[in-house]
């Protein structure tokens, strides 16, 4: 996968990006946070893999 595509996907799939879009759709802060936490745990972390440090 090209670097440019990976960066675009990483941005779009970022939990903070998702949280902001959910808030834009009118969800409460608590509900958006709850959904984002689950999304991060189940979808985002497995897709992005371990963070290199």
PDB file of N, CA and C in Angstrom:
ATOM      1  N   UNK A   1       0.850  -1.165   0.000  1.00  0.00           N
ATOM      2  CA  UNK A   1       0.000   0.000   0.000  1.00  0.00           C
ATOM      3  C   UNK A   1       0.899   1.233   0.000  1.00  0.00           C
ATOM      4  N   UNK A   2       0.535   2.207  -0.806  1.00  0.00           N
ATOM      5  CA  UNK A   2       1.367   3.395  -0.877  1.00  0.00           C
ATOM      6  C   UNK A   2       1.261   4.202   0.414  1.00  0.00           C
ATOM      7  N   UNK A   3       2.279   4.952   0.670  1.00  0.00           N
ATOM      8  CA  UNK A   3       2.332   5.765   1.891  1.00  0.00           C
ATOM      9  C   UNK A   3       1.171   6.758   1.937  1.00  0.00           C
ATOM     10  N   UNK A   4       0.871   7.352   0.822  1.00  0.00           N
ATOM     11  CA  UNK A   4      -0.189   8.357   0.745  1.00  0.00           C
ATOM     12  C   UNK A   4      -1.564   7.761   1.069  1.00  0.00           C
ATOM     13  N   UNK A   5      -1.830   6.597   0.534  1.00  0.00           N
ATOM     14  CA  UNK A   5      -3.106   5.925   0.802  1.00  0.00           C
ATOM     15  C   UNK A   5      -3.176   5.522   2.269  1.00  0.00           C
ATOM     16  N   UNK A   6      -2.086   4.996   2.789  1.00  0.00           N
ATOM     17  CA  UNK A   6      -2.053   4.588   4.194  1.00  0.00           C
ATOM     18  C   UNK A   6      -2.304   5.780   5.118  1.00  0.00           C
ATOM     19  N   UNK A   7      -1.684   6.917   4.826  1.00  0.00           N
ATOM     20  CA  UNK A   7      -1.886   8.110   5.649  1.00  0.00           C
ATOM     21  C   UNK A   7      -3.335   8.585   5.588  1.00  0.00           C
ATOM     22  N   UNK A   8      -3.941   8.550   4.416  1.00  0.00           N
ATOM     23  CA  UNK A   8      -5.337   8.964   4.267  1.00  0.00           C
ATOM     24  C   UNK A   8      -6.256   8.034   5.048  1.00  0.00           C
ATOM     25  N   UNK A   9      -6.021   6.739   4.951  1.00  0.00           N
ATOM     26  CA  UNK A   9      -6.842   5.774   5.680  1.00  0.00           C
ATOM     27  C   UNK A   9      -6.644   5.908   7.188  1.00  0.00           C
ATOM     28  N   UNK A  10      -5.407   6.099   7.598  1.00  0.00           N
ATOM     29  CA  UNK A  10      -5.128   6.247   9.023  1.00  0.00           C
ATOM     30  C   UNK A  10      -5.867   7.460   9.574  1.00  0.00           C
ATOM     31  N   UNK A  11      -5.902   8.543   8.824  1.00  0.00           N
ATOM     32  CA  UNK A  11      -6.622   9.735   9.263  1.00  0.00           C
ATOM     33  C   UNK A  11      -8.120   9.479   9.329  1.00  0.00           C
ATOM     34  N   UNK A  12      -8.675   8.929   8.266  1.00  0.00           N
ATOM     35  CA  UNK A  12     -10.124   8.708   8.207  1.00  0.00           C
ATOM     36  C   UNK A  12     -10.601   7.692   9.236  1.00  0.00           C
ATOM     37  N   UNK A  13      -9.772   6.726   9.547  1.00  0.00           N
ATOM     38  CA  UNK A  13     -10.159   5.679  10.493  1.00  0.00           C
ATOM     39  C   UNK A  13      -9.789   6.025  11.934  1.00  0.00           C
ATOM     40  N   UNK A  14      -9.120   7.159  12.135  1.00  0.00           N
ATOM     41  CA  UNK A  14      -8.697   7.575  13.467  1.00  0.00           C
ATOM     42  C   UNK A  14      -9.901   7.745  14.388  1.00  0.00           C
ATOM     43  N   UNK A  15      -9.838   7.196  15.600  1.00  0.00           N
ATOM     44  CA  UNK A  15     -10.962   7.313  16.533  1.00  0.00           C
ATOM     45  C   UNK A  15     -11.374   8.754  16.828  1.00  0.00           C
ATOM     46  N   UNK A  16     -10.432   9.669  16.904  1.00  0.00           N
ATOM     47  CA  UNK A  16     -10.792  11.073  17.150  1.00  0.00           C
ATOM     48  C   UNK A  16     -11.576  11.645  15.973  1.00  0.00           C
ATOM     49  N   UNK A  17     -11.180  11.283  14.764  1.00  0.00           N
ATOM     50  CA  UNK A  17     -11.905  11.717  13.568  1.00  0.00           C
ATOM     51  C   UNK A  17     -13.338  11.177  13.614  1.00  0.00           C
ATOM     52  N   UNK A  18     -13.477   9.917  13.977  1.00  0.00           N
ATOM     53  CA  UNK A  18     -14.802   9.306  14.083  1.00  0.00           C
ATOM     54  C   UNK A  18     -15.635  10.018  15.144  1.00  0.00           C
ATOM     55  N   UNK A  19     -15.036  10.281  16.300  1.00  0.00           N
ATOM     56  CA  UNK A  19     -15.736  10.977  17.379  1.00  0.00           C
ATOM     57  C   UNK A  19     -16.271  12.328  16.888  1.00  0.00           C
ATOM     58  N   UNK A  20     -15.448  13.083  16.206  1.00  0.00           N
ATOM     59  CA  UNK A  20     -15.871  14.395  15.697  1.00  0.00           C
ATOM     60  C   UNK A  20     -17.012  14.267  14.695  1.00  0.00           C
ATOM     61  N   UNK A  21     -16.961  13.264  13.828  1.00  0.00           N
ATOM     62  CA  UNK A  21     -18.048  13.086  12.857  1.00  0.00           C
ATOM     63  C   UNK A  21     -19.345  12.678  13.562  1.00  0.00           C
ATOM     64  N   UNK A  22     -19.244  11.843  14.601  1.00  0.00           N
ATOM     65  CA  UNK A  22     -20.435  11.459  15.357  1.00  0.00           C
ATOM     66  C   UNK A  22     -21.048  12.670  16.047  1.00  0.00           C
ATOM     67  N   UNK A  23     -20.198  13.535  16.602  1.00  0.00           N
ATOM     68  CA  UNK A  23     -20.692  14.756  17.242  1.00  0.00           C
ATOM     69  C   UNK A  23     -21.341  15.671  16.205  1.00  0.00           C
ATOM     70  N   UNK A  24     -20.749  15.756  15.013  1.00  0.00           N
ATOM     71  CA  UNK A  24     -21.329  16.557  13.928  1.00  0.00           C
ATOM     72  C   UNK A  24     -22.715  16.052  13.548  1.00  0.00           C
ATOM     73  N   UNK A  25     -22.921  14.734  13.692  1.00  0.00           N
ATOM     74  CA  UNK A  25     -24.223  14.137  13.365  1.00  0.00           C
ATOM     75  C   UNK A  25     -25.247  14.350  14.478  1.00  0.00           C
ATOM     76  N   UNK A  26     -24.825  14.922  15.598  1.00  0.00           N
ATOM     77  CA  UNK A  26     -25.754  15.249  16.662  1.00  0.00           C
ATOM     78  C   UNK A  26     -25.771  14.302  17.846  1.00  0.00           C
ATOM     79  N   UNK A  27     -24.864  13.339  17.885  1.00  0.00           N
ATOM     80  CA  UNK A  27     -24.816  12.431  19.034  1.00  0.00           C
ATOM     81  C   UNK A  27     -24.274  13.164  20.249  1.00  0.00           C
ATOM     82  N   UNK A  28     -24.737  12.746  21.427  1.00  0.00           N
ATOM     83  CA  UNK A  28     -24.224  13.346  22.655  1.00  0.00           C
ATOM     84  C   UNK A  28     -22.749  12.985  22.808  1.00  0.00           C
ATOM     85  N   UNK A  29     -22.058  13.783  23.603  1.00  0.00           N
ATOM     86  CA  UNK A  29     -20.647  13.536  23.840  1.00  0.00           C
ATOM     87  C   UNK A  29     -20.417  12.156  24.462  1.00  0.00           C
ATOM     88  N   UNK A  30     -21.263  11.806  25.441  1.00  0.00           N
ATOM     89  CA  UNK A  30     -21.103  10.517  26.126  1.00  0.00           C
ATOM     90  C   UNK A  30     -21.317   9.343  25.171  1.00  0.00           C
ATOM     91  N   UNK A  31     -22.342   9.422  24.330  1.00  0.00           N
ATOM     92  CA  UNK A  31     -22.612   8.330  23.392  1.00  0.00           C
ATOM     93  C   UNK A  31     -21.512   8.234  22.338  1.00  0.00           C
ATOM     94  N   UNK A  32     -21.089   9.371  21.801  1.00  0.00           N
ATOM     95  CA  UNK A  32     -20.026   9.368  20.793  1.00  0.00           C
ATOM     96  C   UNK A  32     -18.738   8.791  21.388  1.00  0.00           C
ATOM     97  N   UNK A  33     -18.426   9.156  22.624  1.00  0.00           N
ATOM     98  CA  UNK A  33     -17.226   8.650  23.293  1.00  0.00           C
ATOM     99  C   UNK A  33     -17.314   7.139  23.492  1.00  0.00           C
ATOM    100  N   UNK A  34     -18.481   6.672  23.912  1.00  0.00           N
ATOM    101  CA  UNK A  34     -18.674   5.250  24.149  1.00  0.00           C
ATOM    102  C   UNK A  34     -18.517   4.450  22.847  1.00  0.00           C
ATOM    103  N   UNK A  35     -19.136   4.912  21.792  1.00  0.00           N
ATOM    104  CA  UNK A  35     -19.026   4.229  20.500  1.00  0.00           C
ATOM    105  C   UNK A  35     -17.589   4.249  19.989  1.00  0.00           C
ATOM    106  N   UNK A  36     -16.917   5.383  20.166  1.00  0.00           N
ATOM    107  CA  UNK A  36     -15.543   5.517  19.693  1.00  0.00           C
ATOM    108  C   UNK A  36     -14.599   4.596  20.452  1.00  0.00           C
ATOM    109  N   UNK A  37     -14.808   4.451  21.759  1.00  0.00           N
ATOM    110  CA  UNK A  37     -13.960   3.546  22.542  1.00  0.00           C
ATOM    111  C   UNK A  37     -14.093   2.108  22.050  1.00  0.00           C
ATOM    112  N   UNK A  38     -15.323   1.674  21.807  1.00  0.00           N
ATOM    113  CA  UNK A  38     -15.542   0.331  21.289  1.00  0.00           C
ATOM    114  C   UNK A  38     -14.934   0.145  19.910  1.00  0.00           C
ATOM    115  N   UNK A  39     -15.113   1.154  19.049  1.00  0.00           N
ATOM    116  CA  UNK A  39     -14.545   1.119  17.704  1.00  0.00           C
ATOM    117  C   UNK A  39     -13.024   1.012  17.754  1.00  0.00           C
ATOM    118  N   UNK A  40     -12.419   1.807  18.641  1.00  0.00           N
ATOM    119  CA  UNK A  40     -10.956   1.778  18.749  1.00  0.00           C
ATOM    120  C   UNK A  40     -10.463   0.403  19.171  1.00  0.00           C
ATOM    121  N   UNK A  41     -11.137  -0.190  20.127  1.00  0.00           N
ATOM    122  CA  UNK A  41     -10.725  -1.496  20.660  1.00  0.00           C
ATOM    123  C   UNK A  41     -10.933  -2.619  19.642  1.00  0.00           C
ATOM    124  N   UNK A  42     -12.067  -2.611  18.961  1.00  0.00           N
ATOM    125  CA  UNK A  42     -12.437  -3.731  18.098  1.00  0.00           C
ATOM    126  C   UNK A  42     -11.931  -3.584  16.661  1.00  0.00           C
ATOM    127  N   UNK A  43     -11.890  -2.352  16.142  1.00  0.00           N
ATOM    128  CA  UNK A  43     -11.551  -2.145  14.727  1.00  0.00           C
ATOM    129  C   UNK A  43     -10.193  -1.482  14.537  1.00  0.00           C
ATOM    130  N   UNK A  44     -10.002  -0.323  15.148  1.00  0.00           N
ATOM    131  CA  UNK A  44      -8.822   0.490  14.845  1.00  0.00           C
ATOM    132  C   UNK A  44      -7.504  -0.154  15.268  1.00  0.00           C
ATOM    133  N   UNK A  45      -7.415  -0.589  16.508  1.00  0.00           N
ATOM    134  CA  UNK A  45      -6.146  -1.183  16.985  1.00  0.00           C
ATOM    135  C   UNK A  45      -5.754  -2.435  16.210  1.00  0.00           C
ATOM    136  N   UNK A  46      -6.695  -3.370  15.958  1.00  0.00           N
ATOM    137  CA  UNK A  46      -6.298  -4.539  15.156  1.00  0.00           C
ATOM    138  C   UNK A  46      -5.850  -4.162  13.730  1.00  0.00           C
ATOM    139  N   UNK A  47      -6.447  -3.128  13.142  1.00  0.00           N
ATOM    140  CA  UNK A  47      -6.071  -2.726  11.795  1.00  0.00           C
ATOM    141  C   UNK A  47      -4.708  -2.062  11.746  1.00  0.00           C
ATOM    142  N   UNK A  48      -4.422  -1.229  12.741  1.00  0.00           N
ATOM    143  CA  UNK A  48      -3.173  -0.477  12.717  1.00  0.00           C
ATOM    144  C   UNK A  48      -2.010  -1.234  13.309  1.00  0.00           C
ATOM    145  N   UNK A  49      -2.296  -2.256  14.090  1.00  0.00           N
ATOM    146  CA  UNK A  49      -1.221  -3.055  14.677  1.00  0.00           C
ATOM    147  C   UNK A  49      -0.552  -2.340  15.822  1.00  0.00           C
ATOM    148  N   UNK A  50       0.459  -2.958  16.380  1.00  0.00           N
ATOM    149  CA  UNK A  50       1.141  -2.354  17.522  1.00  0.00           C
ATOM    150  C   UNK A  50       1.877  -1.081  17.120  1.00  0.00           C
ATOM    151  N   UNK A  51       1.951  -0.156  18.040  1.00  0.00           N
ATOM    152  CA  UNK A  51       2.656   1.101  17.796  1.00  0.00           C
ATOM    153  C   UNK A  51       4.145   0.863  17.978  1.00  0.00           C
ATOM    154  N   UNK A  52       4.915   1.248  16.952  1.00  0.00           N
ATOM    155  CA  UNK A  52       6.374   1.086  17.034  1.00  0.00           C
ATOM    156  C   UNK A  52       6.933   2.168  17.944  1.00  0.00           C
ATOM    157  N   UNK A  53       7.831   1.803  18.796  1.00  0.00           N
ATOM    158  CA  UNK A  53       8.368   2.809  19.712  1.00  0.00           C
ATOM    159  C   UNK A  53       9.764   2.686  19.936  1.00  0.00           C
TER     160      UNK A  53
END
